[in-house]
Protein backbone atom coordinates (compact mmCIF):
# COMPACT_ATOMS: atom_id res chain seq x y z
CA MET A 1 -24.64 38.23 -29.70
CA ALA A 2 -23.61 40.40 -27.32
CA LEU A 3 -25.30 40.04 -23.72
CA HIS A 4 -26.51 43.66 -22.36
CA ARG A 5 -27.34 44.42 -18.64
CA GLY A 6 -31.02 43.77 -17.75
CA GLN A 7 -31.18 40.56 -20.45
CA GLU A 8 -32.23 37.65 -20.10
CA ILE A 9 -30.68 34.38 -21.00
CA ASP A 10 -31.17 30.84 -20.45
CA LEU A 11 -27.80 28.82 -19.01
CA THR A 12 -27.23 25.63 -17.58
CA VAL A 13 -25.21 25.62 -14.60
CA ASP A 14 -21.78 23.42 -14.33
CA GLY A 15 -20.84 24.56 -10.64
CA LEU A 16 -20.83 26.74 -7.76
CA ALA A 17 -18.23 29.43 -7.45
CA PHE A 18 -16.72 30.36 -3.54
CA GLY A 19 -19.18 32.46 -2.14
CA GLY A 20 -22.44 30.44 -3.72
CA ARG A 21 -23.19 31.21 -6.88
CA GLY A 22 -23.86 29.50 -9.49
CA VAL A 23 -21.79 29.08 -12.71
CA ALA A 24 -22.44 28.46 -16.03
CA ARG A 25 -21.33 29.68 -19.77
CA HIS A 26 -22.86 31.34 -22.06
CA GLY A 27 -20.47 31.14 -25.08
CA GLU A 28 -17.03 32.29 -24.26
CA LEU A 29 -18.28 34.24 -21.44
CA VAL A 30 -18.54 33.04 -17.81
CA VAL A 31 -21.34 33.56 -16.26
CA PHE A 32 -21.74 33.59 -12.02
CA VAL A 33 -25.43 33.42 -11.50
CA SER A 34 -27.34 33.96 -8.38
CA ARG A 35 -30.13 31.45 -6.89
CA ALA A 36 -29.09 28.57 -9.29
CA LEU A 37 -28.05 25.52 -8.48
CA PRO A 38 -25.21 22.85 -9.57
CA GLY A 39 -27.76 20.85 -12.76
CA ASP A 40 -30.15 23.76 -12.91
CA ARG A 41 -31.42 24.77 -16.40
CA VAL A 42 -32.90 28.69 -15.52
CA ARG A 43 -33.73 31.59 -16.85
CA ALA A 44 -31.18 34.83 -15.63
CA ARG A 45 -31.35 37.83 -15.95
CA VAL A 46 -28.06 39.88 -16.15
CA THR A 47 -27.10 42.21 -14.27
CA LYS A 48 -23.67 43.37 -14.50
CA LEU A 49 -20.86 43.01 -17.58
CA LYS A 50 -17.09 42.61 -17.17
CA ARG A 51 -14.83 42.23 -20.11
CA ARG A 52 -14.24 38.23 -19.21
CA HIS A 53 -17.12 37.53 -16.98
CA ALA A 54 -21.07 38.59 -16.70
CA GLU A 55 -23.07 38.26 -13.41
CA ALA A 56 -26.73 37.46 -13.58
CA PHE A 57 -29.70 36.27 -11.10
CA ALA A 58 -32.04 33.27 -12.18
CA VAL A 59 -35.38 34.57 -12.47
CA GLU A 60 -36.87 31.41 -13.23
CA VAL A 61 -35.67 27.90 -12.87
CA LEU A 62 -36.78 25.90 -15.87
CA GLU A 63 -35.26 22.43 -15.15
CA ALA A 64 -34.28 21.29 -11.14
CA GLY A 65 -30.42 20.27 -10.86
CA PRO A 66 -30.19 16.93 -9.35
CA GLY A 67 -29.77 18.36 -5.86
CA ARG A 68 -32.62 20.96 -5.44
CA VAL A 69 -34.65 20.15 -2.27
CA THR A 70 -37.60 22.49 -0.96
CA PRO A 71 -36.55 25.13 1.21
CA ARG A 72 -37.76 24.84 4.84
CA CYS A 73 -37.90 28.43 5.76
CA ALA A 74 -40.62 30.56 4.29
CA HIS A 75 -38.29 33.92 4.40
CA PHE A 76 -35.58 31.83 1.97
CA GLY A 77 -34.86 33.76 -1.22
CA VAL A 78 -35.31 36.91 0.21
CA CYS A 79 -33.40 36.80 3.84
CA GLY A 80 -29.97 37.56 3.04
CA GLY A 81 -29.15 34.99 5.48
CA CYS A 82 -29.37 31.16 4.50
CA ALA A 83 -28.22 30.49 0.87
CA TRP A 84 -28.22 26.94 0.45
CA GLN A 85 -31.44 25.96 2.11
CA ASP A 86 -32.83 24.69 -1.28
CA LEU A 87 -29.45 22.67 -1.92
CA ALA A 88 -29.67 19.34 -0.60
CA TYR A 89 -26.99 19.05 2.87
CA ALA A 90 -25.04 16.24 1.28
CA GLU A 91 -24.84 18.23 -1.93
CA GLN A 92 -23.42 21.55 0.57
CA VAL A 93 -20.81 19.30 1.97
CA ARG A 94 -19.17 18.13 -0.97
CA HIS A 95 -19.73 21.45 -2.33
CA LYS A 96 -17.64 23.16 0.81
CA ALA A 97 -14.82 20.65 0.57
CA ALA A 98 -14.41 20.89 -3.27
CA GLN A 99 -14.15 24.35 -2.89
CA VAL A 100 -11.50 24.15 0.34
CA ASP A 101 -9.57 21.50 -2.46
CA ASP A 102 -9.75 24.13 -5.24
CA ALA A 103 -8.65 27.36 -3.07
CA LEU A 104 -5.69 25.33 -2.03
CA ARG A 105 -4.63 23.73 -5.32
CA ARG A 106 -5.24 26.98 -7.47
CA LEU A 107 -4.59 30.15 -4.95
CA GLY A 108 -2.06 28.06 -3.30
CA ARG A 109 0.03 26.03 -5.47
CA PHE A 110 -0.67 22.86 -3.63
CA GLU A 111 -0.46 19.06 -4.41
CA ILE A 112 -2.82 18.13 -1.70
CA GLU A 113 -5.64 15.11 -0.28
CA LEU A 114 -7.53 16.72 1.70
CA GLU A 115 -9.07 14.33 4.61
CA SER A 116 -12.30 14.10 4.68
CA ILE A 117 -14.66 16.95 5.80
CA VAL A 118 -16.32 17.15 9.32
CA PRO A 119 -20.33 17.45 8.70
CA ALA A 120 -22.16 19.74 11.03
CA ALA A 121 -24.23 17.80 13.80
CA GLU A 122 -27.24 19.86 13.32
CA GLN A 123 -28.51 21.60 10.46
CA TYR A 124 -31.50 23.22 12.02
CA GLY A 125 -30.70 25.56 15.06
CA TYR A 126 -27.36 25.35 15.36
CA ARG A 127 -26.27 29.29 15.88
CA ASN A 128 -25.81 30.92 19.14
CA LYS A 129 -25.79 34.38 18.51
CA LEU A 130 -28.71 35.79 15.97
CA GLU A 131 -28.09 39.89 15.34
CA TYR A 132 -31.53 41.18 14.10
CA SER A 133 -32.39 44.76 12.25
CA TRP A 134 -35.75 46.43 13.56
CA SER A 135 -37.63 48.28 10.63
CA ASP A 136 -41.34 49.66 11.39
CA GLY A 137 -44.07 47.02 9.53
CA PRO A 138 -48.05 47.47 9.68
CA ASP A 139 -47.88 46.11 12.72
CA GLY A 140 -45.48 48.39 14.63
CA PRO A 141 -41.96 47.55 15.03
CA SER A 142 -40.09 44.01 13.44
CA LEU A 143 -37.14 42.05 13.71
CA GLY A 144 -35.93 40.80 11.00
CA PHE A 145 -32.59 40.48 8.03
CA HIS A 146 -31.94 42.21 5.41
CA ARG A 147 -33.32 41.24 1.95
CA ALA A 148 -30.58 39.69 -0.12
CA GLY A 149 -28.09 41.94 -1.99
CA ARG A 150 -29.57 45.59 0.04
CA TRP A 151 -28.38 47.10 2.70
CA ASP A 152 -31.91 49.60 3.08
CA GLU A 153 -34.12 47.11 3.11
CA LEU A 154 -35.40 44.57 5.94
CA VAL A 155 -37.27 41.54 6.01
CA PRO A 156 -39.16 40.63 9.37
CA VAL A 157 -38.57 37.41 10.63
CA GLU A 158 -41.70 35.05 11.48
CA THR A 159 -39.14 32.21 12.35
CA CYS A 160 -36.13 31.95 11.71
CA HIS A 161 -34.42 28.19 11.69
CA ILE A 162 -30.85 28.34 12.13
CA ALA A 163 -32.28 29.53 15.74
CA SER A 164 -33.41 28.05 18.21
CA PRO A 165 -36.41 28.18 19.69
CA ALA A 166 -35.80 29.87 22.42
CA GLY A 167 -34.23 31.93 20.98
CA ASN A 168 -36.91 32.82 18.69
CA ASP A 169 -39.06 33.45 21.44
CA VAL A 170 -36.77 36.31 22.56
CA ARG A 171 -37.47 38.08 19.52
CA ARG A 172 -40.78 38.00 19.60
CA ALA A 173 -40.69 38.94 23.31
CA PHE A 174 -38.63 42.29 22.45
CA GLU A 175 -41.14 42.50 19.73
CA ARG A 176 -44.12 42.94 21.75
CA TRP A 177 -42.55 45.13 24.41
CA ALA A 178 -41.64 47.23 21.42
CA ARG A 179 -45.42 47.29 19.66
CA GLU A 180 -46.82 48.02 23.95
CA ALA A 181 -44.27 50.69 24.25
CA GLY A 182 -45.28 52.87 21.05
CA LEU A 183 -41.55 53.19 19.96
CA THR A 184 -40.49 53.37 16.52
CA ALA A 185 -37.23 52.09 14.37
CA TYR A 186 -34.57 53.85 13.78
CA ASP A 187 -34.41 55.38 10.00
CA GLY A 188 -30.73 56.10 8.95
CA ARG A 189 -31.79 58.76 6.00
CA THR A 190 -33.58 60.71 8.56
CA GLY A 191 -31.79 59.65 11.30
CA GLU A 192 -35.37 59.35 13.00
CA GLY A 193 -36.31 56.74 15.45
CA TYR A 194 -34.74 54.59 18.27
CA LEU A 195 -34.87 50.93 18.00
CA ARG A 196 -32.05 49.94 15.92
CA HIS A 197 -30.68 45.80 16.77
CA LEU A 198 -31.45 43.00 19.00
CA VAL A 199 -28.53 40.90 19.39
CA VAL A 200 -29.74 37.42 21.05
CA ARG A 201 -26.77 34.77 22.40
CA GLU A 202 -26.98 31.46 23.75
CA GLY A 203 -25.68 28.71 25.18
CA ALA A 204 -26.30 25.53 23.44
CA HIS A 205 -24.73 23.24 26.33
CA THR A 206 -26.36 25.50 29.53
CA GLY A 207 -29.60 26.78 27.72
CA GLN A 208 -28.68 30.37 29.08
CA LEU A 209 -29.59 33.38 27.08
CA LEU A 210 -28.54 36.84 27.04
CA ALA A 211 -30.10 39.63 25.01
CA MET A 212 -28.46 43.00 23.80
CA LEU A 213 -30.84 46.22 23.23
CA VAL A 214 -29.06 48.56 20.77
CA THR A 215 -31.16 52.22 20.29
CA ALA A 216 -29.90 55.52 19.35
CA PRO A 217 -29.46 57.44 22.43
CA GLY A 218 -31.97 57.90 25.00
CA ALA A 219 -33.76 55.56 28.09
CA VAL A 220 -34.81 52.01 27.52
CA PRO A 221 -39.02 52.20 28.53
CA GLY A 222 -40.95 49.49 30.14
CA ARG A 223 -37.75 47.62 31.80
CA ASP A 224 -40.06 45.23 34.10
CA ARG A 225 -43.06 44.92 30.61
CA LEU A 226 -40.04 43.60 29.16
CA ARG A 227 -38.69 41.20 31.74
CA ALA A 228 -41.77 39.60 32.03
CA LEU A 229 -42.71 39.35 28.89
CA LEU A 230 -38.76 37.26 28.18
CA PRO A 231 -38.52 33.42 28.86
CA ALA A 232 -37.18 32.37 32.04
CA GLU A 233 -33.88 30.92 30.63
CA VAL A 234 -33.04 34.89 29.93
CA VAL A 235 -30.79 35.48 32.33
CA GLY A 236 -30.17 38.89 31.51
CA ALA A 237 -29.99 41.89 29.10
CA VAL A 238 -28.17 45.10 28.46
CA HIS A 239 -28.49 47.86 26.57
CA ALA A 240 -25.65 49.72 24.37
CA GLU A 241 -26.52 53.78 22.55
CA ASN A 242 -25.05 54.04 19.22
CA ALA A 243 -25.37 57.50 18.09
CA GLY A 244 -23.12 56.97 14.66
CA VAL A 245 -25.08 56.44 11.40
CA GLY A 246 -23.19 52.79 11.23
CA GLU A 247 -25.17 50.09 12.02
CA ALA A 248 -22.63 48.73 14.85
CA THR A 249 -23.19 45.96 16.94
CA ALA A 250 -19.67 45.68 18.21
CA GLY A 251 -17.43 47.54 19.79
CA LEU A 252 -20.25 49.61 22.40
CA GLU A 253 -20.27 49.84 25.66
CA PRO A 254 -23.48 47.96 26.31
CA ARG A 255 -25.20 48.70 30.38
CA PRO A 256 -27.02 45.95 32.36
CA LEU A 257 -30.89 46.50 31.80
CA PHE A 258 -31.64 43.14 34.49
CA GLY A 259 -30.51 40.71 35.40
CA ALA A 260 -26.79 39.72 34.45
CA ASP A 261 -24.59 40.86 31.99
CA ARG A 262 -22.86 37.50 30.61
CA TYR A 263 -24.16 33.90 29.72
CA GLU A 264 -22.47 30.91 30.68
CA GLU A 265 -21.60 28.02 28.34
CA VAL A 266 -19.70 24.58 28.24
CA VAL A 267 -16.86 23.93 25.53
CA GLY A 268 -14.78 20.91 25.67
CA GLY A 269 -15.68 20.46 29.53
CA LEU A 270 -15.03 24.34 30.28
CA CYS A 271 -17.14 26.77 31.71
CA LEU A 272 -16.90 29.74 30.08
CA SER A 273 -18.90 32.74 30.89
CA VAL A 274 -19.88 35.09 27.61
CA THR A 275 -20.16 38.82 27.54
CA ALA A 276 -22.54 40.70 24.70
CA GLY A 277 -19.46 41.89 22.73
CA ALA A 278 -17.19 38.70 23.34
CA PHE A 279 -15.79 36.74 20.79
CA MET A 280 -17.09 33.05 20.52
CA GLN A 281 -17.76 30.77 17.27
CA THR A 282 -21.74 30.75 16.60
CA ASN A 283 -21.68 27.26 16.62
CA THR A 284 -20.94 25.87 19.58
CA VAL A 285 -21.17 22.11 19.01
CA MET A 286 -19.06 22.05 15.83
CA SER A 287 -16.45 24.68 17.60
CA GLU A 288 -15.93 22.02 19.92
CA ARG A 289 -14.90 18.83 17.23
CA LEU A 290 -13.18 22.16 15.35
CA TYR A 291 -10.89 22.91 17.93
CA GLU A 292 -10.32 19.19 19.06
CA LEU A 293 -9.31 19.04 15.73
CA ALA A 294 -6.74 21.70 16.05
CA ILE A 295 -5.56 20.58 19.49
CA GLY A 296 -4.85 17.23 17.98
CA TYR A 297 -3.17 18.86 14.95
CA ALA A 298 -0.98 20.69 17.70
CA GLU A 299 0.83 17.55 18.94
CA LEU A 300 0.83 18.88 22.17
CA SER A 301 3.30 17.65 25.10
CA THR A 302 4.17 19.11 28.37
CA THR A 303 7.14 20.61 28.04
CA ASP A 304 5.70 22.93 24.61
CA VAL A 305 5.02 26.40 24.67
CA ALA A 306 1.76 27.34 22.64
CA TRP A 307 1.20 30.95 21.42
CA ASP A 308 -2.41 31.17 20.39
CA LEU A 309 -2.59 34.09 18.26
CA TYR A 310 -5.85 35.78 17.36
CA CYS A 311 -7.35 34.12 20.39
CA GLY A 312 -10.74 35.54 21.34
CA ALA A 313 -11.88 34.96 24.39
CA GLY A 314 -9.12 32.14 24.75
CA ALA A 315 -11.24 28.76 23.92
CA ILE A 316 -8.60 27.11 21.90
CA GLY A 317 -5.79 28.13 24.04
CA LEU A 318 -7.97 27.25 27.70
CA LEU A 319 -8.62 23.88 26.39
CA ALA A 320 -4.98 23.10 24.86
CA ALA A 321 -3.31 24.22 28.52
CA ALA A 322 -4.60 20.72 30.12
CA ARG A 323 -1.92 19.40 27.28
CA ALA A 324 0.77 21.53 27.10
CA GLY A 325 3.48 23.32 29.44
CA ARG A 326 2.96 26.71 28.72
CA VAL A 327 0.12 28.83 26.73
CA TYR A 328 0.62 32.08 25.49
CA GLY A 329 -2.86 33.98 23.96
CA ILE A 330 -2.83 37.11 22.17
CA GLU A 331 -5.93 39.03 20.95
CA ILE A 332 -6.98 42.71 20.13
CA ALA A 333 -10.48 43.18 21.28
CA GLU A 334 -9.76 44.18 24.73
CA GLU A 335 -13.07 42.81 26.30
CA SER A 336 -12.48 39.19 24.71
CA VAL A 337 -9.00 39.43 26.14
CA ALA A 338 -10.98 39.85 29.81
CA ARG A 339 -13.47 36.90 29.35
CA ALA A 340 -10.68 34.81 29.01
CA ARG A 341 -8.27 35.74 31.66
CA GLU A 342 -11.62 35.27 33.96
CA ASN A 343 -12.61 32.18 32.71
CA ALA A 344 -8.87 30.70 32.97
CA GLU A 345 -9.59 31.82 36.31
CA ARG A 346 -12.73 30.36 37.25
CA ASN A 347 -11.40 27.21 35.26
CA GLY A 348 -8.08 26.93 37.15
CA ILE A 349 -6.03 26.92 34.58
CA ALA A 350 -2.54 28.21 35.94
CA ASN A 351 -0.27 27.84 32.54
CA ILE A 352 -1.79 30.95 30.73
CA GLU A 353 -1.29 34.17 29.98
CA PHE A 354 -3.77 36.24 27.50
CA VAL A 355 -2.42 39.53 25.85
CA ALA A 356 -4.38 42.41 24.29
CA GLY A 357 -2.80 43.99 21.59
CA ASP A 358 -2.50 43.44 17.30
CA VAL A 359 -0.25 40.83 16.77
CA ALA A 360 1.64 42.42 13.96
CA LYS A 361 2.78 44.57 16.83
CA SER A 362 2.38 42.62 20.11
CA VAL A 363 4.66 39.63 18.95
CA ALA A 364 7.52 41.41 19.67
CA PRO A 365 7.13 42.43 22.84
CA LEU A 366 5.88 38.97 24.00
CA LEU A 367 8.97 37.53 22.73
CA GLU A 368 11.33 39.48 25.01
CA ARG A 369 9.38 38.20 27.84
CA ALA A 370 7.86 34.89 27.10
CA PRO A 371 9.74 31.70 25.57
CA ARG A 372 9.80 30.26 21.93
CA PRO A 373 6.45 28.99 21.18
CA ASP A 374 7.16 24.70 19.66
CA VAL A 375 3.25 25.43 18.62
CA VAL A 376 1.52 27.99 17.20
CA PHE A 377 -2.29 27.98 16.95
CA VAL A 378 -3.10 31.37 14.41
CA ASP A 379 -7.52 32.45 14.12
CA PRO A 380 -7.18 34.71 12.01
CA PRO A 381 -10.09 36.93 10.33
CA ARG A 382 -11.76 36.31 6.90
CA ALA A 383 -9.17 38.45 5.56
CA GLY A 384 -6.28 36.36 6.85
CA LEU A 385 -2.92 36.45 8.17
CA THR A 386 -1.41 40.46 7.14
CA PRO A 387 1.81 40.33 5.47
CA LYS A 388 2.94 42.14 8.94
CA ALA A 389 1.66 39.37 10.70
CA VAL A 390 3.90 36.28 8.68
CA LYS A 391 6.33 37.84 9.01
CA ARG A 392 6.24 37.54 12.81
CA LEU A 393 5.11 34.05 12.64
CA LEU A 394 8.25 33.04 10.97
CA GLU A 395 10.25 35.48 13.02
CA LEU A 396 8.66 33.21 16.03
CA ALA A 397 9.74 29.75 14.05
CA PRO A 398 7.32 26.96 15.78
CA GLU A 399 8.26 23.69 14.84
CA ARG A 400 4.65 23.39 14.33
CA ILE A 401 1.68 25.99 13.04
CA VAL A 402 -2.02 25.24 13.92
CA TYR A 403 -4.22 27.34 11.13
CA VAL A 404 -7.95 27.62 11.72
CA SER A 405 -9.36 29.48 8.77
CA CYS A 406 -12.28 30.59 7.57
CA ASN A 407 -11.33 31.25 4.40
CA PRO A 408 -9.73 29.03 2.16
CA THR A 409 -9.03 32.06 -0.51
CA THR A 410 -6.49 33.39 1.89
CA LEU A 411 -5.49 30.77 3.83
CA ALA A 412 -3.92 29.14 0.39
CA PRO A 413 -1.82 32.00 -0.09
CA ASN A 414 -0.11 32.52 3.75
CA ALA A 415 0.23 28.74 4.00
CA ARG A 416 2.04 29.02 0.22
CA ALA A 417 4.08 32.02 2.41
CA LEU A 418 4.73 30.01 4.62
CA VAL A 419 6.24 26.76 2.50
CA ASP A 420 8.17 29.42 0.44
CA ALA A 421 9.68 30.46 3.67
CA GLY A 422 10.55 26.92 5.54
CA TYR A 423 7.48 25.33 6.56
CA ALA A 424 5.55 22.05 4.46
CA LEU A 425 1.72 21.47 4.48
CA GLU A 426 1.13 18.17 6.47
CA ARG A 427 -2.47 18.38 7.13
CA ALA A 428 -5.76 20.15 5.76
CA ARG A 429 -9.80 18.72 6.66
CA PRO A 430 -12.38 21.22 6.56
CA VAL A 431 -15.55 21.35 8.90
CA ASP A 432 -18.79 22.42 8.09
CA MET A 433 -19.85 25.27 11.10
CA PHE A 434 -22.57 26.84 8.93
CA PRO A 435 -25.33 24.71 7.22
CA HIS A 436 -27.30 26.51 4.40
CA THR A 437 -24.52 29.08 3.83
CA PRO A 438 -21.72 29.17 1.45
CA HIS A 439 -19.43 29.53 4.92
CA ILE A 440 -16.39 26.91 5.32
CA GLU A 441 -13.95 26.39 8.47
CA CYS A 442 -10.34 24.70 7.63
CA VAL A 443 -7.51 23.01 9.70
CA ALA A 444 -4.04 22.93 8.52
CA LEU A 445 -0.71 21.76 9.97
CA LEU A 446 2.11 23.58 8.74
CA ARG A 447 5.82 22.05 9.94
CA ARG A 448 9.17 23.87 9.85
CA GLU A 449 11.46 21.73 7.56
CA LYS A 450 14.75 20.65 9.68
CA THR A 451 17.11 23.30 7.76
CA GLY A 452 20.01 23.90 10.42
CA SER A 453 20.36 25.44 13.81
CA ASP A 454 19.14 28.47 13.78
CA PRO A 455 15.31 28.78 14.81
CA ASN A 456 14.84 31.90 12.78
CA PHE A 457 16.13 30.36 9.50
CA SER A 458 13.56 30.24 6.87
CA GLY A 459 14.81 27.41 4.36
CA GLN A 460 13.71 26.91 0.09
CA ALA A 461 10.65 26.37 -0.94
CA HIS A 462 8.53 22.84 -0.42
CA HIS A 463 5.96 21.84 -2.49
CA SER A 464 4.53 19.79 -0.59
CA ARG A 465 1.20 16.93 -0.29
CA ALA A 466 -0.98 16.16 2.97
CA THR A 467 -2.02 12.84 3.65
CA ALA A 468 -5.38 11.32 4.03
CA SER A 469 -6.37 10.92 7.58
CA SER A 470 -9.12 8.84 8.92
CA THR A 471 -9.21 11.66 12.47
């Protein structure tokens, strides 16, 4: 019988697709089911129909699968954040490793044996950055997140369990201040209202917090009262105005409200200064493990030149500088580059240089005055390396490429392009930075095959096997 939108059907979920939805079958049709877990038998409502698959939403769990647990958060299932709080953590880790393995095999056509996934050190309270949105409720302005699947509806939050207790206190203090001041939330449909977003950033190892309030144009009232309400760990607050219709928190120009305009964090022994807009991995403890793996994969020596592409605030390059002869970092966000240079100076690291620019456009000019790299670190956005960036990377022809990926479905084709041009995929290891979400990081090592004396020579396609390791 043909399906139609709105129809409810009973399904047994067999697995999880990349992105976190359950996978089931209705006859010959594959059905991707939101809010369903492996082993569940659910009643699901069909929301979309395609030629080869359908999409549905679980309206009732008829029989729970073996990995289903009671979620900790009262907002779970409504808030669009933690999609997997109802899945036992051991199962989360297993499925994430399987999804990296599947992407490399299916999309990259690699026969690989992944190194064992690195689980998160903490399953709750791990995020060092939270972005909240304002909405008006019966008690006045409230901060929260978008409702799952909706851009136009917000869910006020009582406690966010992946934020720290101090981070939750900062959010509550801003709500109290806004209500006392009689402020209203910005309404994107009418263009009226004032409050738009709140960004809370925290040093996991220092305990310092920084807040950025984003509003429609206009002065912030009651600054002294706000400062008095905030926890003592808040070292400063900044204010950014957004006059546009988009919900941007990045790319704005914040001005100090009071205190400092940055906070300090310690990563791998380095003391880093972080501003509201500078990029930094949002799980400090696991970012240290990620960087440790990446630098270990690089096999650096004191004679090596390393390039760090998409370097953000420079953490990988700064940590690698202790083992390399010379390091160069390229990053398009000028604020992150400014912080990277500042952090190099404050940590006394003299053998590193940072360049502001697009990787696809900045590699060639840097190569005119800098030595060709022995090792290149790449940590691109979720979309992966663009074809031009892959081309620039092959022109650099480093002996080793360490690819830090936040998306295995773009890592796999990027790795295939590099292998087809003369590299071998030697190692790959997933790292769980984001418990209770489908997101997974992965570190991969590619090594240039010995194909002659020309450093720019691209060899023939090589089908490689990554080897297991106890790293």
